[in-house]
Amino acid sequence: MRADLDVTLSLAGRTAAPAALPVPVRRGGFGGAKGLADYLARERIDALIDATHPYAAVISANAMTAAQQTRVPLLALRRPPWSAVPGDRWTEVDNARAAVLALGEEPRRVFVALGRNELAPFTTAPQHFYLFRSVDPIAPPLPLPYAHYVTARGPFSEAEDRALLGAHRIEIVVAKNSGGGATYGKIAAARALGLDVIMLRRPAAPDAPAVQTIADAITWLDHALTLAAARGV
């Protein structure tokens, strides 16, 4: 912990019971870019770090707009995407609806590793067996005849995911290219088992200054705060 920093972490509020965190946490949206800009001004925020999920494009766009309006320095902390390696069998698509189409008409056993808000398109293809894994329960269950639900919080190792995929005789995985190590287990497990992966492409990110590591973010933050102090902000 940095005793010289007053840090507030903002969560979207989609997870009912987030992991314990060592800093003050606020939950819920701001009301778009204007609401975030009002918050930054009201709380006299000196620097804003966008560390949201790489698929939360609206949040990142709002952060950039709000930072520009308030002239608060902004940095995006973006995990680099995974890259296919020999043995990977990826088909890249733009969204969940395209992923459903890519599954085809013949019944398959599918592991779906997407957020709860992205699952509705799968109800249009009820012929498949679906294994859904989520941090919070999917309630009510989707109107699908062949579905199994697992509630669990990562990180997940390759061995754990190999066991899960094998136990449910999974034939294909649907996932996002989230990057990082916490959820890579399913990708490594699919490779080891020779399974196809339907990978949702990342949305375009705003053209904001960005780094890939926490260490680089801290270096940027120290520099930004030094400049703010020199300006008397």
Protein backbone atom coordinates (compact mmCIF):
# COMPACT_ATOMS: atom_id res chain seq x y z
CA MET A 1 0.00 0.00 0.00
CA ARG A 2 1.14 3.56 -0.77
CA ALA A 3 0.59 5.81 2.24
CA ASP A 4 1.00 8.89 0.04
CA LEU A 5 -1.97 8.02 -2.18
CA ASP A 6 -5.70 8.25 -1.52
CA VAL A 7 -7.01 5.50 -3.80
CA THR A 8 -10.62 4.72 -4.68
CA LEU A 9 -11.44 1.62 -6.70
CA SER A 10 -14.64 1.72 -8.75
CA LEU A 11 -16.42 -1.53 -9.62
CA ALA A 12 -19.26 -1.82 -12.11
CA GLY A 13 -21.28 -3.77 -9.56
CA ARG A 14 -22.04 -6.77 -11.75
CA THR A 15 -20.47 -9.24 -9.31
CA ALA A 16 -22.63 -9.79 -6.22
CA ALA A 17 -19.72 -10.61 -3.89
CA PRO A 18 -16.42 -9.23 -5.24
CA ALA A 19 -13.15 -10.31 -3.68
CA ALA A 20 -11.97 -8.35 -0.65
CA LEU A 21 -9.80 -5.37 -1.59
CA PRO A 22 -7.37 -3.27 0.48
CA VAL A 23 -8.69 0.15 -0.66
CA PRO A 24 -12.04 1.96 -0.47
CA VAL A 25 -14.46 0.66 -3.11
CA ARG A 26 -17.43 2.29 -4.81
CA ARG A 27 -19.87 0.18 -6.83
CA GLY A 28 -22.16 1.00 -9.72
CA GLY A 29 -22.07 3.24 -12.75
CA PHE A 30 -21.48 6.97 -12.84
CA GLY A 31 -24.16 7.85 -15.36
CA GLY A 32 -22.05 7.94 -18.51
CA ALA A 33 -19.15 10.21 -19.35
CA LYS A 34 -20.83 13.29 -17.86
CA GLY A 35 -21.47 11.54 -14.56
CA LEU A 36 -17.86 10.41 -14.39
CA ALA A 37 -16.62 13.91 -15.25
CA ASP A 38 -18.80 15.33 -12.45
CA TYR A 39 -17.33 12.78 -10.03
CA LEU A 40 -13.75 13.56 -11.03
CA ALA A 41 -14.34 17.28 -10.51
CA ARG A 42 -16.31 16.90 -7.28
CA GLU A 43 -13.76 14.55 -5.69
CA ARG A 44 -10.81 16.58 -7.04
CA ILE A 45 -9.26 13.50 -8.60
CA ASP A 46 -5.62 13.99 -9.64
CA ALA A 47 -5.26 10.96 -11.92
CA LEU A 48 -7.52 8.32 -13.47
CA ILE A 49 -6.42 4.79 -14.33
CA ASP A 50 -8.72 2.80 -16.59
CA ALA A 51 -8.10 -0.81 -15.52
CA THR A 52 -11.41 -2.21 -16.69
CA HIS A 53 -11.92 -5.42 -18.64
CA PRO A 54 -10.64 -5.20 -22.24
CA TYR A 55 -14.20 -5.88 -23.47
CA ALA A 56 -15.75 -3.03 -21.46
CA ALA A 57 -15.44 -0.63 -24.40
CA VAL A 58 -18.17 1.76 -23.24
CA ILE A 59 -16.54 2.25 -19.85
CA SER A 60 -13.17 2.97 -21.45
CA ALA A 61 -14.71 5.43 -23.90
CA ASN A 62 -16.50 7.23 -21.06
CA ALA A 63 -13.28 7.41 -19.06
CA MET A 64 -11.44 9.02 -21.97
CA THR A 65 -14.21 11.57 -22.57
CA ALA A 66 -14.48 12.44 -18.88
CA ALA A 67 -10.71 12.83 -18.56
CA GLN A 68 -10.62 15.15 -21.55
CA GLN A 69 -13.48 17.26 -20.18
CA THR A 70 -11.89 17.63 -16.75
CA ARG A 71 -8.25 17.62 -17.89
CA VAL A 72 -7.49 14.80 -15.46
CA PRO A 73 -4.52 12.70 -16.61
CA LEU A 74 -5.70 9.29 -17.85
CA LEU A 75 -3.84 6.03 -18.29
CA ALA A 76 -5.25 2.74 -19.57
CA LEU A 77 -3.89 -0.44 -18.00
CA ARG A 78 -4.45 -3.06 -20.70
CA ARG A 79 -3.50 -6.69 -20.50
CA PRO A 80 -1.93 -7.85 -23.76
CA PRO A 81 -4.15 -10.31 -25.64
CA TRP A 82 -3.31 -13.95 -25.93
CA SER A 83 -1.70 -15.09 -29.18
CA ALA A 84 -2.35 -18.44 -30.79
CA VAL A 85 0.56 -20.88 -30.55
CA PRO A 86 1.14 -24.19 -32.35
CA GLY A 87 -1.63 -26.58 -31.37
CA ASP A 88 -4.29 -23.91 -30.88
CA ARG A 89 -7.40 -24.28 -33.03
CA TRP A 90 -9.03 -20.87 -32.89
CA THR A 91 -11.87 -19.38 -34.88
CA GLU A 92 -12.16 -15.65 -34.22
CA VAL A 93 -15.57 -13.93 -34.27
CA ASP A 94 -16.86 -10.48 -33.38
CA ASN A 95 -19.53 -11.24 -30.78
CA ALA A 96 -21.58 -13.91 -29.01
CA ARG A 97 -24.18 -14.05 -31.77
CA ALA A 98 -21.45 -14.85 -34.31
CA ALA A 99 -20.06 -17.45 -31.90
CA VAL A 100 -23.43 -19.23 -31.85
CA LEU A 101 -23.45 -19.33 -35.66
CA ALA A 102 -19.92 -20.71 -35.66
CA LEU A 103 -21.03 -23.64 -33.50
CA GLY A 104 -23.00 -24.97 -36.48
CA GLU A 105 -26.21 -26.96 -36.64
CA GLU A 106 -24.97 -30.35 -35.44
CA PRO A 107 -25.28 -30.78 -31.64
CA ARG A 108 -22.00 -30.19 -29.81
CA ARG A 109 -20.88 -30.08 -26.19
CA VAL A 110 -19.86 -26.47 -25.55
CA PHE A 111 -18.05 -24.78 -22.68
CA VAL A 112 -19.08 -21.12 -22.58
CA ALA A 113 -16.78 -18.74 -20.67
CA LEU A 114 -18.53 -15.40 -21.23
CA GLY A 115 -20.22 -12.87 -18.98
CA ARG A 116 -23.82 -13.43 -17.91
CA ASN A 117 -25.02 -10.47 -19.98
CA GLU A 118 -23.77 -12.13 -23.19
CA LEU A 119 -25.49 -15.48 -22.95
CA ALA A 120 -28.90 -14.74 -24.50
CA PRO A 121 -27.81 -15.59 -28.10
CA PHE A 122 -27.14 -19.18 -27.06
CA THR A 123 -30.84 -19.73 -26.45
CA THR A 124 -31.30 -19.61 -30.23
CA ALA A 125 -29.32 -22.87 -30.57
CA PRO A 126 -30.88 -25.24 -28.03
CA GLN A 127 -29.57 -28.37 -29.75
CA HIS A 128 -26.17 -28.05 -28.05
CA PHE A 129 -25.15 -29.07 -24.54
CA TYR A 130 -23.78 -26.04 -22.71
CA LEU A 131 -21.49 -25.85 -19.72
CA PHE A 132 -21.62 -22.33 -18.26
CA ARG A 133 -19.15 -21.13 -15.63
CA SER A 134 -19.68 -17.84 -13.82
CA VAL A 135 -18.66 -16.06 -10.61
CA ASP A 136 -22.31 -15.50 -9.64
CA PRO A 137 -25.16 -17.95 -10.29
CA ILE A 138 -26.98 -17.51 -13.60
CA ALA A 139 -30.49 -16.90 -12.31
CA PRO A 140 -32.95 -17.67 -13.62
CA PRO A 141 -31.36 -20.46 -15.66
CA LEU A 142 -31.44 -20.01 -19.42
CA PRO A 143 -34.33 -21.66 -21.28
CA LEU A 144 -32.14 -24.43 -22.66
CA PRO A 145 -32.85 -28.16 -22.45
CA TYR A 146 -29.22 -29.23 -22.09
CA ALA A 147 -27.26 -26.95 -19.79
CA HIS A 148 -25.09 -27.30 -16.70
CA TYR A 149 -23.97 -24.44 -14.50
CA VAL A 150 -20.76 -24.11 -12.49
CA THR A 151 -20.29 -21.24 -10.05
CA ALA A 152 -16.61 -20.59 -9.33
CA ARG A 153 -14.11 -17.75 -9.02
CA GLY A 154 -10.72 -17.93 -10.75
CA PRO A 155 -7.87 -18.14 -11.25
CA PHE A 156 -8.18 -21.57 -12.82
CA SER A 157 -5.17 -23.73 -13.64
CA GLU A 158 -4.74 -25.74 -16.81
CA ALA A 159 -5.06 -28.95 -14.79
CA GLU A 160 -8.34 -27.81 -13.23
CA ASP A 161 -9.80 -26.84 -16.57
CA ARG A 162 -8.63 -30.01 -18.26
CA ALA A 163 -10.46 -31.96 -15.58
CA LEU A 164 -13.60 -29.83 -15.99
CA LEU A 165 -13.64 -30.12 -19.79
CA GLY A 166 -12.97 -33.83 -19.64
CA ALA A 167 -15.65 -34.52 -17.03
CA HIS A 168 -18.29 -32.88 -19.22
CA ARG A 169 -16.92 -34.31 -22.50
CA ILE A 170 -16.59 -30.81 -23.93
CA GLU A 171 -15.89 -30.56 -27.67
CA ILE A 172 -15.53 -26.81 -28.16
CA VAL A 173 -14.84 -23.72 -26.03
CA VAL A 174 -16.29 -20.23 -26.45
CA ALA A 175 -14.19 -17.53 -24.79
CA LYS A 176 -12.99 -13.95 -24.86
CA ASN A 177 -9.38 -13.01 -25.49
CA SER A 178 -9.07 -11.53 -22.02
CA GLY A 179 -5.31 -11.85 -21.72
CA GLY A 180 -3.45 -12.45 -18.47
CA GLY A 181 -2.91 -15.68 -16.60
CA ALA A 182 -5.99 -15.95 -14.38
CA THR A 183 -8.27 -17.41 -17.06
CA TYR A 184 -5.73 -18.83 -19.49
CA GLY A 185 -6.17 -22.34 -18.06
CA LYS A 186 -9.11 -23.11 -20.36
CA ILE A 187 -7.12 -22.06 -23.44
CA ALA A 188 -4.15 -24.23 -22.49
CA ALA A 189 -6.52 -27.08 -21.59
CA ALA A 190 -8.30 -26.83 -24.95
CA ARG A 191 -4.94 -26.99 -26.73
CA ALA A 192 -3.85 -30.03 -24.73
CA LEU A 193 -7.14 -31.81 -25.45
CA GLY A 194 -7.17 -30.86 -29.15
CA LEU A 195 -10.39 -28.85 -28.83
CA ASP A 196 -11.62 -26.04 -31.04
CA VAL A 197 -11.93 -22.57 -29.50
CA ILE A 198 -14.27 -19.86 -30.73
CA MET A 199 -12.57 -16.64 -29.62
CA LEU A 200 -14.40 -13.33 -29.42
CA ARG A 201 -12.21 -10.53 -30.77
CA ARG A 202 -11.52 -7.55 -28.54
CA PRO A 203 -13.39 -4.34 -29.34
CA ALA A 204 -11.32 -1.39 -30.48
CA ALA A 205 -9.86 0.49 -27.53
CA PRO A 206 -9.87 4.29 -27.22
CA ASP A 207 -6.65 5.99 -28.27
CA ALA A 208 -5.52 6.75 -24.74
CA PRO A 209 -2.02 6.42 -23.26
CA ALA A 210 -1.66 2.79 -22.20
CA VAL A 211 0.69 0.39 -20.45
CA GLN A 212 0.57 -3.35 -19.90
CA THR A 213 1.91 -3.77 -16.37
CA ILE A 214 1.11 -2.45 -12.91
CA ALA A 215 4.75 -1.43 -12.46
CA ASP A 216 4.54 0.79 -15.54
CA ALA A 217 1.24 2.22 -14.32
CA ILE A 218 2.84 3.20 -11.00
CA THR A 219 5.74 4.85 -12.82
CA TRP A 220 3.24 6.83 -14.93
CA LEU A 221 1.24 7.76 -11.84
CA ASP A 222 4.27 9.10 -9.99
CA HIS A 223 5.16 11.22 -13.01
CA ALA A 224 1.59 12.50 -13.45
CA LEU A 225 1.32 13.48 -9.77
CA THR A 226 4.69 15.21 -9.86
CA LEU A 227 3.55 17.31 -12.82
CA ALA A 228 0.27 18.10 -11.06
CA ALA A 229 2.13 19.24 -7.96
CA ALA A 230 4.42 21.44 -10.05
CA ARG A 231 1.38 23.11 -11.59
CA GLY A 232 -0.14 23.61 -8.16
CA VAL A 233 -3.15 21.46 -8.97
